[in-house]
């Protein structure tokens, strides 16, 4: 638990100590990777609560989602389409779906002491 928090603090301090800036042209893609990362973290938390968490699957899911999202957005830029918005909407839907399932798990576990029935409608890779 302390390793991710210490890595976050070390990264934050490193960025502020070196005055690192992202070029404006790449800012959109970095934001897209951040949304993909947030989606992966929430999906990993969901998988952990459902007892099917695998670290390798989480990492590969994050990398595949990020690469696909950035590729689709850059293809849209080449074609003159705003596919970045479509990717953000799709990732946002997944994020809120996973948050809904997470909330149900947490509420059920703390109020009733048990996990809710598994949701078979959600086709999630993790």
C-alpha atoms as a PDB file:
ATOM      1  CA  UNK A   1       0.000   0.000   0.000  1.00  0.00           C
ATOM      2  CA  UNK A   2       2.834   2.391   0.775  1.00  0.00           C
ATOM      3  CA  UNK A   3       4.687   1.738  -2.483  1.00  0.00           C
ATOM      4  CA  UNK A   4       2.083   3.350  -4.787  1.00  0.00           C
ATOM      5  CA  UNK A   5       1.655   6.316  -2.457  1.00  0.00           C
ATOM      6  CA  UNK A   6       5.405   6.860  -2.143  1.00  0.00           C
ATOM      7  CA  UNK A   7       5.789   6.538  -5.941  1.00  0.00           C
ATOM      8  CA  UNK A   8       3.075   9.177  -6.406  1.00  0.00           C
ATOM      9  CA  UNK A   9       4.762  11.551  -3.968  1.00  0.00           C
ATOM     10  CA  UNK A  10       8.194  10.942  -5.545  1.00  0.00           C
ATOM     11  CA  UNK A  11       6.795  11.586  -9.028  1.00  0.00           C
ATOM     12  CA  UNK A  12       5.069  14.753  -7.873  1.00  0.00           C
ATOM     13  CA  UNK A  13       8.273  16.054  -6.278  1.00  0.00           C
ATOM     14  CA  UNK A  14      10.358  15.105  -9.322  1.00  0.00           C
ATOM     15  CA  UNK A  15       8.066  16.966 -11.713  1.00  0.00           C
ATOM     16  CA  UNK A  16       8.060  20.093  -9.566  1.00  0.00           C
ATOM     17  CA  UNK A  17      11.814  19.985  -8.953  1.00  0.00           C
ATOM     18  CA  UNK A  18      12.667  19.727 -12.666  1.00  0.00           C
ATOM     19  CA  UNK A  19       9.965  22.151 -13.903  1.00  0.00           C
ATOM     20  CA  UNK A  20       8.825  19.537 -16.425  1.00  0.00           C
ATOM     21  CA  UNK A  21       6.318  20.771 -18.996  1.00  0.00           C
ATOM     22  CA  UNK A  22       4.346  18.864 -21.578  1.00  0.00           C
ATOM     23  CA  UNK A  23       4.317  20.307 -25.103  1.00  0.00           C
ATOM     24  CA  UNK A  24       0.944  21.784 -25.974  1.00  0.00           C
ATOM     25  CA  UNK A  25       0.475  19.442 -28.930  1.00  0.00           C
ATOM     26  CA  UNK A  26       0.806  16.395 -26.672  1.00  0.00           C
ATOM     27  CA  UNK A  27      -1.340  17.704 -23.824  1.00  0.00           C
ATOM     28  CA  UNK A  28      -4.537  16.264 -25.266  1.00  0.00           C
ATOM     29  CA  UNK A  29      -3.001  12.816 -25.524  1.00  0.00           C
ATOM     30  CA  UNK A  30      -1.590  12.974 -22.001  1.00  0.00           C
ATOM     31  CA  UNK A  31      -5.046  13.835 -20.684  1.00  0.00           C
ATOM     32  CA  UNK A  32      -6.421  10.851 -22.579  1.00  0.00           C
ATOM     33  CA  UNK A  33      -3.805   8.574 -20.993  1.00  0.00           C
ATOM     34  CA  UNK A  34      -4.728   9.943 -17.560  1.00  0.00           C
ATOM     35  CA  UNK A  35      -8.395   9.088 -18.134  1.00  0.00           C
ATOM     36  CA  UNK A  36      -7.366   5.605 -19.329  1.00  0.00           C
ATOM     37  CA  UNK A  37      -5.212   5.205 -16.211  1.00  0.00           C
ATOM     38  CA  UNK A  38      -8.060   6.266 -13.941  1.00  0.00           C
ATOM     39  CA  UNK A  39     -10.329   3.790 -15.717  1.00  0.00           C
ATOM     40  CA  UNK A  40      -7.761   1.021 -15.160  1.00  0.00           C
ATOM     41  CA  UNK A  41      -7.354   1.852 -11.475  1.00  0.00           C
ATOM     42  CA  UNK A  42     -11.115   1.761 -10.876  1.00  0.00           C
ATOM     43  CA  UNK A  43     -11.428  -1.460 -12.901  1.00  0.00           C
ATOM     44  CA  UNK A  44      -8.597  -2.961 -10.833  1.00  0.00           C
ATOM     45  CA  UNK A  45     -10.331  -1.993  -7.593  1.00  0.00           C
ATOM     46  CA  UNK A  46     -13.516  -3.576  -8.897  1.00  0.00           C
ATOM     47  CA  UNK A  47     -11.666  -6.758  -9.860  1.00  0.00           C
ATOM     48  CA  UNK A  48     -10.040  -6.863  -6.411  1.00  0.00           C
ATOM     49  CA  UNK A  49     -13.399  -6.649  -4.656  1.00  0.00           C
ATOM     50  CA  UNK A  50     -14.773  -9.369  -6.938  1.00  0.00           C
ATOM     51  CA  UNK A  51     -11.780 -11.605  -6.188  1.00  0.00           C
ATOM     52  CA  UNK A  52     -10.444 -11.765  -9.746  1.00  0.00           C
ATOM     53  CA  UNK A  53      -7.627  -9.216  -9.635  1.00  0.00           C
ATOM     54  CA  UNK A  54      -4.406  -9.919 -11.551  1.00  0.00           C
ATOM     55  CA  UNK A  55      -1.639  -7.331 -11.651  1.00  0.00           C
ATOM     56  CA  UNK A  56      -0.432  -8.365 -15.097  1.00  0.00           C
ATOM     57  CA  UNK A  57      -3.925  -8.076 -16.511  1.00  0.00           C
ATOM     58  CA  UNK A  58      -4.287  -4.606 -14.995  1.00  0.00           C
ATOM     59  CA  UNK A  59      -1.002  -3.402 -16.498  1.00  0.00           C
ATOM     60  CA  UNK A  60      -1.705  -4.885 -19.925  1.00  0.00           C
ATOM     61  CA  UNK A  61      -5.237  -3.491 -19.855  1.00  0.00           C
ATOM     62  CA  UNK A  62      -3.914  -0.017 -19.075  1.00  0.00           C
ATOM     63  CA  UNK A  63      -1.303  -0.182 -21.836  1.00  0.00           C
ATOM     64  CA  UNK A  64      -3.721  -1.559 -24.425  1.00  0.00           C
ATOM     65  CA  UNK A  65      -6.425   0.963 -23.548  1.00  0.00           C
ATOM     66  CA  UNK A  66      -3.972   3.879 -23.620  1.00  0.00           C
ATOM     67  CA  UNK A  67      -2.405   2.861 -26.928  1.00  0.00           C
ATOM     68  CA  UNK A  68      -5.779   2.245 -28.562  1.00  0.00           C
ATOM     69  CA  UNK A  69      -7.268   5.502 -27.240  1.00  0.00           C
ATOM     70  CA  UNK A  70      -4.310   7.632 -28.345  1.00  0.00           C
ATOM     71  CA  UNK A  71      -4.174   5.873 -31.727  1.00  0.00           C
ATOM     72  CA  UNK A  72      -7.864   6.485 -32.316  1.00  0.00           C
ATOM     73  CA  UNK A  73      -7.581  10.134 -31.287  1.00  0.00           C
ATOM     74  CA  UNK A  74      -4.540  10.727 -33.509  1.00  0.00           C
ATOM     75  CA  UNK A  75      -6.292   9.014 -36.431  1.00  0.00           C
ATOM     76  CA  UNK A  76      -9.203  11.371 -35.863  1.00  0.00           C
ATOM     77  CA  UNK A  77      -6.794  14.328 -35.925  1.00  0.00           C
ATOM     78  CA  UNK A  78      -5.387  13.124 -39.251  1.00  0.00           C
ATOM     79  CA  UNK A  79      -8.907  12.772 -40.699  1.00  0.00           C
ATOM     80  CA  UNK A  80     -10.091  16.081 -39.271  1.00  0.00           C
ATOM     81  CA  UNK A  81     -12.537  14.445 -36.854  1.00  0.00           C
ATOM     82  CA  UNK A  82     -12.758  14.982 -33.120  1.00  0.00           C
ATOM     83  CA  UNK A  83     -12.482  11.320 -32.125  1.00  0.00           C
ATOM     84  CA  UNK A  84     -10.844  12.373 -28.856  1.00  0.00           C
ATOM     85  CA  UNK A  85     -14.289  13.290 -27.579  1.00  0.00           C
ATOM     86  CA  UNK A  86     -15.668   9.882 -28.562  1.00  0.00           C
ATOM     87  CA  UNK A  87     -12.829   8.112 -26.747  1.00  0.00           C
ATOM     88  CA  UNK A  88     -13.305  10.215 -23.607  1.00  0.00           C
ATOM     89  CA  UNK A  89     -17.041   9.494 -23.625  1.00  0.00           C
ATOM     90  CA  UNK A  90     -16.426   5.737 -24.024  1.00  0.00           C
ATOM     91  CA  UNK A  91     -13.832   5.691 -21.242  1.00  0.00           C
ATOM     92  CA  UNK A  92     -16.101   7.828 -19.062  1.00  0.00           C
ATOM     93  CA  UNK A  93     -18.959   5.374 -19.492  1.00  0.00           C
ATOM     94  CA  UNK A  94     -16.700   2.484 -18.473  1.00  0.00           C
ATOM     95  CA  UNK A  95     -15.394   4.488 -15.539  1.00  0.00           C
ATOM     96  CA  UNK A  96     -18.858   5.302 -14.198  1.00  0.00           C
ATOM     97  CA  UNK A  97     -20.060   1.737 -14.749  1.00  0.00           C
ATOM     98  CA  UNK A  98     -17.125   0.410 -12.730  1.00  0.00           C
ATOM     99  CA  UNK A  99     -17.686   3.059 -10.045  1.00  0.00           C
ATOM    100  CA  UNK A 100     -21.323   1.993  -9.767  1.00  0.00           C
ATOM    101  CA  UNK A 101     -20.335  -1.641  -9.261  1.00  0.00           C
ATOM    102  CA  UNK A 102     -17.624  -0.579  -6.774  1.00  0.00           C
ATOM    103  CA  UNK A 103     -20.139   1.445  -4.796  1.00  0.00           C
ATOM    104  CA  UNK A 104     -22.524  -1.513  -4.688  1.00  0.00           C
ATOM    105  CA  UNK A 105     -19.734  -3.778  -3.399  1.00  0.00           C
ATOM    106  CA  UNK A 106     -18.619  -1.335  -0.728  1.00  0.00           C
ATOM    107  CA  UNK A 107     -22.131  -0.528   0.479  1.00  0.00           C
ATOM    108  CA  UNK A 108     -23.143  -4.189   0.532  1.00  0.00           C
ATOM    109  CA  UNK A 109     -19.971  -5.245   2.315  1.00  0.00           C
ATOM    110  CA  UNK A 110     -20.185  -2.576   5.019  1.00  0.00           C
ATOM    111  CA  UNK A 111     -23.938  -2.673   5.581  1.00  0.00           C
ATOM    112  CA  UNK A 112     -24.626  -6.371   5.166  1.00  0.00           C
ATOM    113  CA  UNK A 113     -21.229  -7.999   5.608  1.00  0.00           C
ATOM    114  CA  UNK A 114     -21.366  -9.768   2.247  1.00  0.00           C
ATOM    115  CA  UNK A 115     -20.583  -9.124  -1.399  1.00  0.00           C
ATOM    116  CA  UNK A 116     -23.434  -8.489  -3.830  1.00  0.00           C
ATOM    117  CA  UNK A 117     -24.321 -11.022  -6.501  1.00  0.00           C
ATOM    118  CA  UNK A 118     -21.958 -10.817  -9.468  1.00  0.00           C
ATOM    119  CA  UNK A 119     -23.142  -8.635 -12.332  1.00  0.00           C
ATOM    120  CA  UNK A 120     -23.230 -10.830 -15.426  1.00  0.00           C
ATOM    121  CA  UNK A 121     -24.350  -7.988 -17.714  1.00  0.00           C
ATOM    122  CA  UNK A 122     -21.026  -6.131 -17.569  1.00  0.00           C
ATOM    123  CA  UNK A 123     -18.561  -7.416 -20.140  1.00  0.00           C
ATOM    124  CA  UNK A 124     -15.370  -6.183 -18.506  1.00  0.00           C
ATOM    125  CA  UNK A 125     -11.974  -7.611 -19.413  1.00  0.00           C
ATOM    126  CA  UNK A 126     -10.429  -7.179 -15.995  1.00  0.00           C
END
